[in-house]
Protein backbone atom coordinates (compact mmCIF):
# COMPACT_ATOMS: atom_id res chain seq x y z
CA UNK A 1 43.26 14.61 -80.57
CA UNK A 2 41.76 13.79 -76.68
CA UNK A 3 39.37 16.83 -75.82
CA UNK A 4 40.45 18.61 -72.34
CA UNK A 5 37.10 16.95 -70.55
CA UNK A 6 38.79 13.64 -71.58
CA UNK A 7 42.53 14.06 -69.92
CA UNK A 8 42.31 12.59 -66.43
CA UNK A 9 42.08 14.86 -63.17
CA UNK A 10 44.77 12.77 -62.11
CA UNK A 11 47.65 14.10 -64.45
CA UNK A 12 47.00 18.12 -63.52
CA UNK A 13 49.30 19.26 -61.24
CA UNK A 14 49.34 22.42 -59.45
CA UNK A 15 52.00 24.16 -57.59
CA UNK A 16 53.75 21.10 -58.59
CA UNK A 17 50.66 18.44 -56.65
CA UNK A 18 48.57 16.23 -58.66
CA UNK A 19 44.92 16.36 -57.72
CA UNK A 20 45.02 13.44 -55.62
CA UNK A 21 47.70 14.62 -54.16
CA UNK A 22 46.16 17.90 -53.23
CA UNK A 23 43.09 15.77 -51.83
CA UNK A 24 45.06 13.45 -49.57
CA UNK A 25 46.83 16.49 -48.46
CA UNK A 26 43.64 18.22 -47.41
CA UNK A 27 42.27 14.96 -46.04
CA UNK A 28 45.33 14.63 -43.34
CA UNK A 29 44.67 18.22 -42.65
CA UNK A 30 40.77 17.85 -41.66
CA UNK A 31 42.00 14.95 -39.96
CA UNK A 32 44.94 16.43 -37.85
CA UNK A 33 41.85 19.12 -37.39
CA UNK A 34 39.47 16.73 -36.39
CA UNK A 35 41.96 15.39 -34.11
CA UNK A 36 42.33 18.39 -32.46
CA UNK A 37 38.47 19.72 -31.59
CA UNK A 38 37.63 16.45 -30.88
CA UNK A 39 39.87 16.13 -28.55
CA UNK A 40 39.79 19.42 -26.84
CA UNK A 41 35.90 20.50 -27.44
CA UNK A 42 34.50 17.14 -27.71
CA UNK A 43 32.38 15.65 -30.18
CA UNK A 44 29.17 16.92 -28.41
CA UNK A 45 30.46 20.73 -28.87
CA UNK A 46 32.11 20.40 -32.64
CA UNK A 47 30.94 21.24 -35.83
CA UNK A 48 32.29 21.10 -39.72
CA UNK A 49 32.32 24.43 -39.52
CA UNK A 50 34.98 24.37 -36.35
CA UNK A 51 36.92 21.38 -37.93
CA UNK A 52 37.51 23.19 -41.30
CA UNK A 53 38.83 26.39 -39.38
CA UNK A 54 41.50 24.11 -37.67
CA UNK A 55 42.21 22.69 -41.10
CA UNK A 56 42.19 26.65 -43.13
CA UNK A 57 39.68 24.45 -45.41
CA UNK A 58 36.55 25.54 -46.51
CA UNK A 59 33.48 23.78 -45.98
CA UNK A 60 33.51 22.29 -49.60
CA UNK A 61 36.13 20.47 -49.08
CA UNK A 62 35.44 18.86 -45.39
CA UNK A 63 32.51 17.08 -47.86
CA UNK A 64 35.28 16.19 -50.63
CA UNK A 65 36.31 13.78 -48.12
CA UNK A 66 33.94 13.43 -45.25
CA UNK A 67 30.04 12.89 -45.43
CA UNK A 68 29.52 14.23 -41.85
CA UNK A 69 31.29 15.01 -38.06
CA UNK A 70 31.28 10.99 -37.73
CA UNK A 71 32.98 9.85 -40.82
CA UNK A 72 35.01 12.34 -39.42
CA UNK A 73 35.64 11.01 -35.77
CA UNK A 74 35.50 7.36 -37.33
CA UNK A 75 38.73 8.26 -39.17
CA UNK A 76 40.34 10.07 -36.45
CA UNK A 77 39.54 6.93 -34.22
CA UNK A 78 40.93 4.56 -36.88
CA UNK A 79 44.01 6.31 -37.25
CA UNK A 80 44.49 6.53 -33.59
CA UNK A 81 43.95 2.75 -32.81
CA UNK A 82 45.99 1.65 -36.35
CA UNK A 83 49.13 3.39 -34.35
CA UNK A 84 48.56 2.71 -31.16
CA UNK A 85 47.92 -0.96 -31.71
CA UNK A 86 51.17 -0.82 -33.84
CA UNK A 87 53.45 0.27 -30.58
CA UNK A 88 51.87 -2.15 -29.02
CA UNK A 89 52.54 -5.38 -31.25
CA UNK A 90 56.10 -4.04 -31.46
CA UNK A 91 57.02 -2.83 -27.70
CA UNK A 92 55.89 -6.94 -27.00
CA UNK A 93 57.37 -8.26 -30.20
CA UNK A 94 60.68 -6.18 -28.51
CA UNK A 95 60.78 -7.45 -24.94
CA UNK A 96 61.80 -10.40 -23.02
CA UNK A 97 60.25 -14.05 -23.61
CA UNK A 98 58.74 -13.76 -20.38
CA UNK A 99 54.63 -13.17 -20.15
CA UNK A 100 55.25 -10.62 -17.86
CA UNK A 101 57.94 -8.34 -19.26
CA UNK A 102 55.85 -8.68 -22.81
CA UNK A 103 52.52 -8.20 -20.55
CA UNK A 104 54.64 -4.54 -18.86
CA UNK A 105 56.13 -3.33 -21.78
CA UNK A 106 52.85 -3.92 -23.90
CA UNK A 107 50.60 -1.98 -21.62
CA UNK A 108 53.65 1.35 -21.03
CA UNK A 109 53.09 1.63 -25.26
CA UNK A 110 49.67 1.66 -25.39
CA UNK A 111 49.29 3.80 -22.03
CA UNK A 112 52.00 6.27 -23.03
CA UNK A 113 50.71 6.21 -26.74
CA UNK A 114 47.52 7.69 -24.88
CA UNK A 115 48.85 9.56 -21.98
CA UNK A 116 51.63 11.70 -24.31
CA UNK A 117 48.79 13.54 -26.04
CA UNK A 118 45.79 14.07 -24.24
CA UNK A 119 43.92 14.88 -27.07
CA UNK A 120 43.90 10.78 -28.07
CA UNK A 121 43.09 9.69 -24.69
CA UNK A 122 39.93 11.87 -24.95
CA UNK A 123 39.01 10.72 -28.44
CA UNK A 124 40.12 6.68 -27.88
CA UNK A 125 38.55 6.75 -23.96
CA UNK A 126 35.55 9.17 -23.87
CA UNK A 127 34.18 10.90 -27.04
CA UNK A 128 33.56 7.92 -29.37
CA UNK A 129 31.19 6.63 -26.36
CA UNK A 130 27.62 6.58 -27.18
CA UNK A 131 28.12 8.19 -30.53
CA UNK A 132 25.91 6.33 -32.72
CA UNK A 133 25.22 2.45 -33.03
CA UNK A 134 27.81 1.89 -35.61
CA UNK A 135 30.11 3.67 -33.43
CA UNK A 136 29.48 1.21 -30.46
CA UNK A 137 30.63 -1.49 -32.55
CA UNK A 138 33.52 -0.21 -33.68
CA UNK A 139 34.76 0.49 -30.14
CA UNK A 140 33.62 -3.09 -29.02
CA UNK A 141 35.70 -4.03 -31.64
CA UNK A 142 38.68 -2.49 -30.97
CA UNK A 143 38.61 -3.33 -27.27
CA UNK A 144 37.81 -7.14 -28.05
CA UNK A 145 40.92 -6.70 -30.39
CA UNK A 146 42.73 -5.47 -27.51
CA UNK A 147 41.57 -8.63 -25.30
CA UNK A 148 43.12 -10.92 -28.10
CA UNK A 149 46.16 -9.75 -28.10
CA UNK A 150 46.39 -10.31 -24.17
CA UNK A 151 45.23 -13.87 -25.06
CA UNK A 152 48.44 -14.07 -27.31
CA UNK A 153 50.60 -13.15 -25.37
CA UNK A 154 49.34 -15.38 -22.13
CA UNK A 155 48.92 -18.51 -24.41
CA UNK A 156 52.01 -18.26 -25.94
CA UNK A 157 53.14 -18.63 -22.22
CA UNK A 158 52.00 -21.93 -21.94
CA UNK A 159 51.43 -25.49 -23.75
CA UNK A 160 47.66 -25.80 -23.37
CA UNK A 161 45.14 -23.50 -24.87
CA UNK A 162 43.63 -20.79 -22.09
CA UNK A 163 40.39 -21.58 -20.10
CA UNK A 164 36.96 -20.19 -21.08
CA UNK A 165 37.74 -18.13 -17.59
CA UNK A 166 41.20 -17.19 -18.45
CA UNK A 167 39.78 -15.52 -21.78
CA UNK A 168 37.48 -13.75 -20.04
CA UNK A 169 39.75 -12.14 -17.68
CA UNK A 170 41.96 -10.98 -20.43
CA UNK A 171 38.06 -9.07 -21.21
CA UNK A 172 37.91 -7.56 -18.03
CA UNK A 173 41.72 -6.95 -17.24
CA UNK A 174 41.05 -4.40 -20.86
CA UNK A 175 38.35 -3.22 -19.32
CA UNK A 176 40.51 -2.71 -15.92
CA UNK A 177 42.88 -0.28 -18.04
CA UNK A 178 40.16 1.31 -20.19
CA UNK A 179 38.58 2.65 -16.87
CA UNK A 180 41.94 3.52 -15.15
CA UNK A 181 42.67 5.72 -18.49
CA UNK A 182 39.13 7.24 -18.12
CA UNK A 183 40.08 8.01 -14.50
CA UNK A 184 43.27 9.80 -15.25
CA UNK A 185 41.98 11.51 -17.83
CA UNK A 186 38.96 13.06 -16.31
CA UNK A 187 40.73 13.61 -12.30
CA UNK A 188 43.60 15.84 -14.52
CA UNK A 189 45.72 13.53 -15.23
CA UNK A 190 48.25 13.59 -11.75
CA UNK A 191 50.12 9.63 -12.37
CA UNK A 192 52.89 9.07 -14.68
CA UNK A 193 52.60 6.95 -17.60
CA UNK A 194 55.00 4.61 -16.30
CA UNK A 195 52.69 4.36 -12.97
CA UNK A 196 49.95 3.55 -14.89
CA UNK A 197 51.02 0.51 -16.95
CA UNK A 198 53.28 -0.42 -13.84
CA UNK A 199 49.49 -1.11 -11.87
CA UNK A 200 47.80 -2.93 -14.54
CA UNK A 201 50.68 -5.20 -15.04
CA UNK A 202 50.12 -5.99 -11.74
CA UNK A 203 46.78 -6.86 -12.22
CA UNK A 204 47.16 -8.88 -15.25
CA UNK A 205 50.16 -10.76 -13.32
CA UNK A 206 48.08 -11.30 -10.12
CA UNK A 207 45.17 -12.64 -12.55
CA UNK A 208 47.51 -14.57 -14.05
CA UNK A 209 48.80 -16.64 -10.90
CA UNK A 210 46.02 -17.12 -9.26
CA UNK A 211 44.16 -18.91 -12.34
CA UNK A 212 46.96 -20.58 -13.27
CA UNK A 213 47.86 -21.64 -10.12
CA UNK A 214 44.42 -23.65 -9.96
CA UNK A 215 45.76 -25.65 -13.32
CA UNK A 216 48.40 -27.33 -10.76
CA UNK A 217 47.32 -30.63 -9.68
CA UNK A 218 45.74 -30.27 -6.14
CA UNK A 219 45.23 -26.73 -5.59
CA UNK A 220 41.12 -25.78 -5.52
CA UNK A 221 39.56 -24.39 -8.48
CA UNK A 222 38.52 -20.53 -8.47
CA UNK A 223 35.07 -20.17 -7.23
CA UNK A 224 32.33 -19.69 -9.77
């Protein structure tokens, strides 16, 4: 006969929930509280105690899922980025085949996701900046991923691969979108998400037209 200590904890239930389900619920509550705290008070002004107070849990349960504030911020950021990326890719796939239409659809989804909840925008655009070398590497990877998405949309519209200049332009466009949204956030968010997306789509179309025009025979290349 098995001793009580030999019974797997996952099989025990409390109020109809197994241990792993309760842990998952507590983790989700802490992540939601992290978004609230990081997205309103800011990372520097946050504390484990504050996050737990918002979540309605003791600090013991915080350390059940996270080692420190930064690991909680990393999880909040990762979930936001995943949702934002999924919304952007879905919008691109649902748009017309025209490259400019796809770019605008993707930008509307990307910008709309952040501006629909300023806590998301503040966390993704401001609060993760400069936290640590590991977070900076993660943030750079996220920005590079969205540049790769622009490159993929752009490249799908033509038969020849993008030039190095065009790939660097995609990186620059991501930086421009990022800073435009930071400016929107820091100045009170007076513009609509559609207006911001249209501005960014115009930048993409103008850059694409300029660079692709330079590829046509008899057209002078853009200056280095």
